[in-house]
Amino acid sequence: MNDDQAAITRLSAILEDVYKKYRDNGVMPDDRKQYFSGYADALMTLKLLSQPELEALIEDANMKVFGMSVKDRREVLDIKADPSMFDSPACCAFRGHPAT
């Protein structure tokens, strides 16, 4: 395995760790999620990873950890983890305004 492949394998392991913590605790570990995002951004900047490759890596990690696609996970698990995310319209929730 060359260094480029090792870096992508490491990125995949970081993401799987993030998802396992989310699966086990019901809360997305923001510090690890940010670490993953920074690592992925660095690989993309260095042209070691493309956007389609990143999307495939994310889809693969979801299948490994949750046994479902990203879309299915968002519909099934994310709603259970934080049902309040659907309590107010996005336009108001992000601006800090109460839903009207």
N, C-alpha and C. Protein backbone atom coordinates (compact mmCIF):
# COMPACT_ATOMS: atom_id res chain seq x y z
N MET A 1 0.85 -1.18 0.00
CA MET A 1 0.00 0.00 0.00
C MET A 1 0.90 1.24 0.00
N ASN A 2 0.65 2.14 -0.95
CA ASN A 2 1.44 3.37 -0.99
C ASN A 2 0.86 4.41 -0.02
N ASP A 3 1.53 5.54 0.11
CA ASP A 3 1.12 6.56 1.06
C ASP A 3 -0.25 7.16 0.74
N ASP A 4 -0.55 7.32 -0.55
CA ASP A 4 -1.85 7.87 -0.95
C ASP A 4 -2.98 6.93 -0.51
N GLN A 5 -2.81 5.65 -0.75
CA GLN A 5 -3.82 4.67 -0.35
C GLN A 5 -3.95 4.61 1.17
N ALA A 6 -2.83 4.72 1.86
CA ALA A 6 -2.83 4.69 3.33
C ALA A 6 -3.60 5.89 3.88
N ALA A 7 -3.45 7.04 3.26
CA ALA A 7 -4.16 8.25 3.71
C ALA A 7 -5.67 8.08 3.53
N ILE A 8 -6.09 7.50 2.43
CA ILE A 8 -7.52 7.30 2.18
C ILE A 8 -8.07 6.22 3.11
N THR A 9 -7.29 5.18 3.36
CA THR A 9 -7.70 4.15 4.32
C THR A 9 -7.86 4.76 5.71
N ARG A 10 -6.96 5.63 6.09
CA ARG A 10 -7.05 6.32 7.39
C ARG A 10 -8.31 7.19 7.45
N LEU A 11 -8.61 7.90 6.37
CA LEU A 11 -9.82 8.72 6.32
C LEU A 11 -11.06 7.86 6.52
N SER A 12 -11.09 6.73 5.88
CA SER A 12 -12.22 5.81 6.02
C SER A 12 -12.35 5.33 7.47
N ALA A 13 -11.23 5.02 8.11
CA ALA A 13 -11.25 4.57 9.50
C ALA A 13 -11.74 5.67 10.43
N ILE A 14 -11.34 6.91 10.17
CA ILE A 14 -11.81 8.04 10.99
C ILE A 14 -13.32 8.17 10.86
N LEU A 15 -13.83 8.09 9.64
CA LEU A 15 -15.27 8.22 9.43
C LEU A 15 -16.03 7.08 10.08
N GLU A 16 -15.54 5.87 9.95
CA GLU A 16 -16.21 4.74 10.59
C GLU A 16 -16.24 4.91 12.10
N ASP A 17 -15.18 5.46 12.67
CA ASP A 17 -15.14 5.75 14.11
C ASP A 17 -16.20 6.78 14.49
N VAL A 18 -16.33 7.82 13.68
CA VAL A 18 -17.36 8.85 13.91
C VAL A 18 -18.74 8.20 13.90
N TYR A 19 -19.01 7.40 12.89
CA TYR A 19 -20.32 6.77 12.76
C TYR A 19 -20.60 5.76 13.89
N LYS A 20 -19.57 5.03 14.32
CA LYS A 20 -19.77 4.07 15.41
C LYS A 20 -20.11 4.79 16.71
N LYS A 21 -19.44 5.91 16.97
CA LYS A 21 -19.76 6.70 18.16
C LYS A 21 -21.18 7.24 18.07
N TYR A 22 -21.57 7.69 16.89
CA TYR A 22 -22.93 8.19 16.69
C TYR A 22 -23.95 7.08 16.89
N ARG A 23 -23.67 5.91 16.31
CA ARG A 23 -24.56 4.77 16.43
C ARG A 23 -24.71 4.34 17.89
N ASP A 24 -23.60 4.29 18.60
CA ASP A 24 -23.60 3.77 19.97
C ASP A 24 -24.12 4.78 21.00
N ASN A 25 -23.89 6.07 20.76
CA ASN A 25 -24.25 7.09 21.75
C ASN A 25 -25.45 7.94 21.35
N GLY A 26 -25.85 7.88 20.08
CA GLY A 26 -26.97 8.68 19.61
C GLY A 26 -26.64 10.15 19.42
N VAL A 27 -25.36 10.49 19.54
CA VAL A 27 -24.92 11.89 19.37
C VAL A 27 -23.71 11.89 18.45
N MET A 28 -23.76 12.77 17.45
CA MET A 28 -22.64 12.88 16.53
C MET A 28 -21.47 13.54 17.26
N PRO A 29 -20.31 12.89 17.31
CA PRO A 29 -19.15 13.47 18.00
C PRO A 29 -18.54 14.60 17.15
N ASP A 30 -18.91 15.83 17.46
CA ASP A 30 -18.51 16.96 16.63
C ASP A 30 -17.00 17.11 16.48
N ASP A 31 -16.24 16.83 17.54
CA ASP A 31 -14.79 16.98 17.42
C ASP A 31 -14.21 16.01 16.39
N ARG A 32 -14.67 14.77 16.41
CA ARG A 32 -14.18 13.78 15.45
C ARG A 32 -14.72 14.06 14.04
N LYS A 33 -15.94 14.56 13.98
CA LYS A 33 -16.53 14.91 12.68
C LYS A 33 -15.72 16.04 12.04
N GLN A 34 -15.33 17.03 12.84
CA GLN A 34 -14.53 18.13 12.33
C GLN A 34 -13.14 17.65 11.90
N TYR A 35 -12.59 16.71 12.67
CA TYR A 35 -11.29 16.13 12.31
C TYR A 35 -11.39 15.42 10.96
N PHE A 36 -12.45 14.64 10.78
CA PHE A 36 -12.68 13.97 9.50
C PHE A 36 -12.79 14.99 8.37
N SER A 37 -13.56 16.04 8.60
CA SER A 37 -13.76 17.06 7.55
C SER A 37 -12.44 17.72 7.17
N GLY A 38 -11.62 18.04 8.15
CA GLY A 38 -10.33 18.65 7.87
C GLY A 38 -9.40 17.71 7.13
N TYR A 39 -9.40 16.45 7.53
CA TYR A 39 -8.56 15.44 6.88
C TYR A 39 -9.02 15.25 5.43
N ALA A 40 -10.33 15.16 5.23
CA ALA A 40 -10.86 15.00 3.87
C ALA A 40 -10.53 16.21 3.02
N ASP A 41 -10.66 17.40 3.59
CA ASP A 41 -10.35 18.62 2.85
C ASP A 41 -8.88 18.65 2.44
N ALA A 42 -8.00 18.22 3.35
CA ALA A 42 -6.58 18.19 3.02
C ALA A 42 -6.30 17.22 1.88
N LEU A 43 -6.92 16.04 1.91
CA LEU A 43 -6.71 15.07 0.83
C LEU A 43 -7.24 15.60 -0.49
N MET A 44 -8.35 16.31 -0.44
CA MET A 44 -8.90 16.87 -1.68
C MET A 44 -8.01 18.00 -2.20
N THR A 45 -7.49 18.81 -1.30
CA THR A 45 -6.59 19.90 -1.69
C THR A 45 -5.34 19.35 -2.36
N LEU A 46 -4.85 18.24 -1.83
CA LEU A 46 -3.66 17.61 -2.40
C LEU A 46 -3.97 16.75 -3.63
N LYS A 47 -5.24 16.75 -4.00
CA LYS A 47 -5.72 15.99 -5.16
C LYS A 47 -5.49 14.47 -5.00
N LEU A 48 -5.57 14.01 -3.76
CA LEU A 48 -5.48 12.58 -3.49
C LEU A 48 -6.85 11.94 -3.40
N LEU A 49 -7.88 12.80 -3.36
CA LEU A 49 -9.26 12.35 -3.22
C LEU A 49 -10.16 13.31 -3.98
N SER A 50 -11.08 12.77 -4.76
CA SER A 50 -12.04 13.60 -5.50
C SER A 50 -13.37 13.62 -4.76
N GLN A 51 -14.23 14.53 -5.14
CA GLN A 51 -15.57 14.61 -4.52
C GLN A 51 -16.35 13.31 -4.72
N PRO A 52 -16.38 12.73 -5.92
CA PRO A 52 -17.08 11.46 -6.09
C PRO A 52 -16.49 10.33 -5.23
N GLU A 53 -15.16 10.32 -5.08
CA GLU A 53 -14.53 9.31 -4.22
C GLU A 53 -14.92 9.51 -2.76
N LEU A 54 -14.98 10.76 -2.33
CA LEU A 54 -15.40 11.07 -0.96
C LEU A 54 -16.84 10.62 -0.73
N GLU A 55 -17.70 10.91 -1.68
CA GLU A 55 -19.11 10.50 -1.55
C GLU A 55 -19.23 8.98 -1.49
N ALA A 56 -18.44 8.27 -2.27
CA ALA A 56 -18.46 6.81 -2.24
C ALA A 56 -17.93 6.29 -0.91
N LEU A 57 -16.90 6.92 -0.38
CA LEU A 57 -16.34 6.53 0.91
C LEU A 57 -17.38 6.71 2.02
N ILE A 58 -18.11 7.82 1.98
CA ILE A 58 -19.16 8.09 2.97
C ILE A 58 -20.28 7.06 2.85
N GLU A 59 -20.67 6.77 1.64
CA GLU A 59 -21.73 5.77 1.41
C GLU A 59 -21.28 4.40 1.92
N ASP A 60 -20.04 4.02 1.62
CA ASP A 60 -19.50 2.74 2.08
C ASP A 60 -19.46 2.66 3.60
N ALA A 61 -19.03 3.73 4.25
CA ALA A 61 -18.96 3.74 5.71
C ALA A 61 -20.35 3.61 6.32
N ASN A 62 -21.34 4.25 5.73
CA ASN A 62 -22.71 4.13 6.22
C ASN A 62 -23.19 2.69 6.11
N MET A 63 -22.88 2.04 4.99
CA MET A 63 -23.29 0.66 4.81
C MET A 63 -22.60 -0.26 5.83
N LYS A 64 -21.31 -0.04 6.07
CA LYS A 64 -20.57 -0.87 7.02
C LYS A 64 -21.09 -0.70 8.44
N VAL A 65 -21.29 0.54 8.87
CA VAL A 65 -21.62 0.81 10.27
C VAL A 65 -23.12 0.68 10.55
N PHE A 66 -23.95 1.19 9.64
CA PHE A 66 -25.39 1.23 9.89
C PHE A 66 -26.18 0.19 9.09
N GLY A 67 -25.54 -0.37 8.07
CA GLY A 67 -26.24 -1.33 7.22
C GLY A 67 -27.29 -0.68 6.34
N MET A 68 -27.10 0.62 6.05
CA MET A 68 -28.06 1.34 5.20
C MET A 68 -27.35 2.51 4.52
N SER A 69 -27.99 3.03 3.49
CA SER A 69 -27.42 4.16 2.75
C SER A 69 -27.47 5.43 3.60
N VAL A 70 -26.77 6.45 3.15
CA VAL A 70 -26.80 7.75 3.83
C VAL A 70 -28.23 8.26 3.88
N LYS A 71 -28.92 8.17 2.75
CA LYS A 71 -30.31 8.66 2.68
C LYS A 71 -31.19 7.94 3.69
N ASP A 72 -31.10 6.62 3.73
CA ASP A 72 -31.91 5.85 4.67
C ASP A 72 -31.54 6.17 6.11
N ARG A 73 -30.25 6.28 6.38
CA ARG A 73 -29.81 6.60 7.74
C ARG A 73 -30.38 7.93 8.20
N ARG A 74 -30.34 8.91 7.32
CA ARG A 74 -30.87 10.23 7.68
C ARG A 74 -32.36 10.16 7.98
N GLU A 75 -33.07 9.38 7.20
CA GLU A 75 -34.52 9.26 7.39
C GLU A 75 -34.87 8.46 8.64
N VAL A 76 -34.08 7.45 8.96
CA VAL A 76 -34.42 6.55 10.07
C VAL A 76 -33.74 6.98 11.38
N LEU A 77 -32.44 7.07 11.37
CA LEU A 77 -31.71 7.28 12.61
C LEU A 77 -31.60 8.73 13.03
N ASP A 78 -31.36 9.62 12.08
CA ASP A 78 -31.16 11.02 12.46
C ASP A 78 -32.41 11.62 13.08
N ILE A 79 -33.56 11.20 12.61
CA ILE A 79 -34.82 11.70 13.18
C ILE A 79 -34.97 11.21 14.61
N LYS A 80 -34.61 9.95 14.87
CA LYS A 80 -34.69 9.40 16.23
C LYS A 80 -33.69 10.08 17.16
N ALA A 81 -32.50 10.37 16.66
CA ALA A 81 -31.46 10.97 17.48
C ALA A 81 -31.80 12.40 17.89
N ASP A 82 -32.40 13.16 16.98
CA ASP A 82 -32.73 14.54 17.29
C ASP A 82 -34.03 14.93 16.59
N PRO A 83 -35.17 14.48 17.13
CA PRO A 83 -36.44 14.79 16.48
C PRO A 83 -36.74 16.29 16.47
N SER A 84 -36.13 17.04 17.37
CA SER A 84 -36.39 18.48 17.41
C SER A 84 -35.88 19.20 16.17
N MET A 85 -35.00 18.54 15.41
CA MET A 85 -34.48 19.19 14.21
C MET A 85 -35.58 19.44 13.19
N PHE A 86 -36.75 18.83 13.40
CA PHE A 86 -37.86 19.02 12.48
C PHE A 86 -38.98 19.86 13.09
N ASP A 87 -38.72 20.46 14.26
CA ASP A 87 -39.74 21.23 14.94
C ASP A 87 -39.99 22.60 14.32
N SER A 88 -38.99 23.17 13.70
CA SER A 88 -39.17 24.49 13.11
C SER A 88 -38.57 24.52 11.71
N PRO A 89 -39.09 25.39 10.87
CA PRO A 89 -38.57 25.48 9.51
C PRO A 89 -37.09 25.85 9.51
N ALA A 90 -36.37 25.34 8.55
CA ALA A 90 -34.93 25.59 8.47
C ALA A 90 -34.61 27.07 8.41
N CYS A 91 -35.42 27.84 7.72
CA CYS A 91 -35.13 29.27 7.60
C CYS A 91 -35.13 29.94 8.97
N CYS A 92 -35.98 29.49 9.85
CA CYS A 92 -36.05 30.10 11.18
C CYS A 92 -35.05 29.48 12.14
N ALA A 93 -34.85 28.18 12.04
CA ALA A 93 -33.95 27.49 12.96
C ALA A 93 -32.53 28.00 12.84
N PHE A 94 -32.08 28.27 11.63
CA PHE A 94 -30.71 28.71 11.44
C PHE A 94 -30.51 30.18 11.78
N ARG A 95 -31.55 30.93 11.78
CA ARG A 95 -31.45 32.35 12.12
C ARG A 95 -31.70 32.61 13.60
N GLY A 96 -32.05 31.57 14.32
CA GLY A 96 -32.31 31.73 15.73
C GLY A 96 -33.69 32.27 16.04
N HIS A 97 -34.57 32.29 15.06
CA HIS A 97 -35.93 32.78 15.26
C HIS A 97 -36.85 31.64 15.62
N PRO A 98 -37.79 31.87 16.51
CA PRO A 98 -38.76 30.81 16.79
C PRO A 98 -39.64 30.58 15.57
N ALA A 99 -40.12 29.38 15.44
CA ALA A 99 -41.01 29.05 14.33
C ALA A 99 -42.33 29.79 14.51
N THR A 100 -42.86 30.25 13.42
CA THR A 100 -44.11 30.99 13.51
C THR A 100 -45.25 30.17 12.95
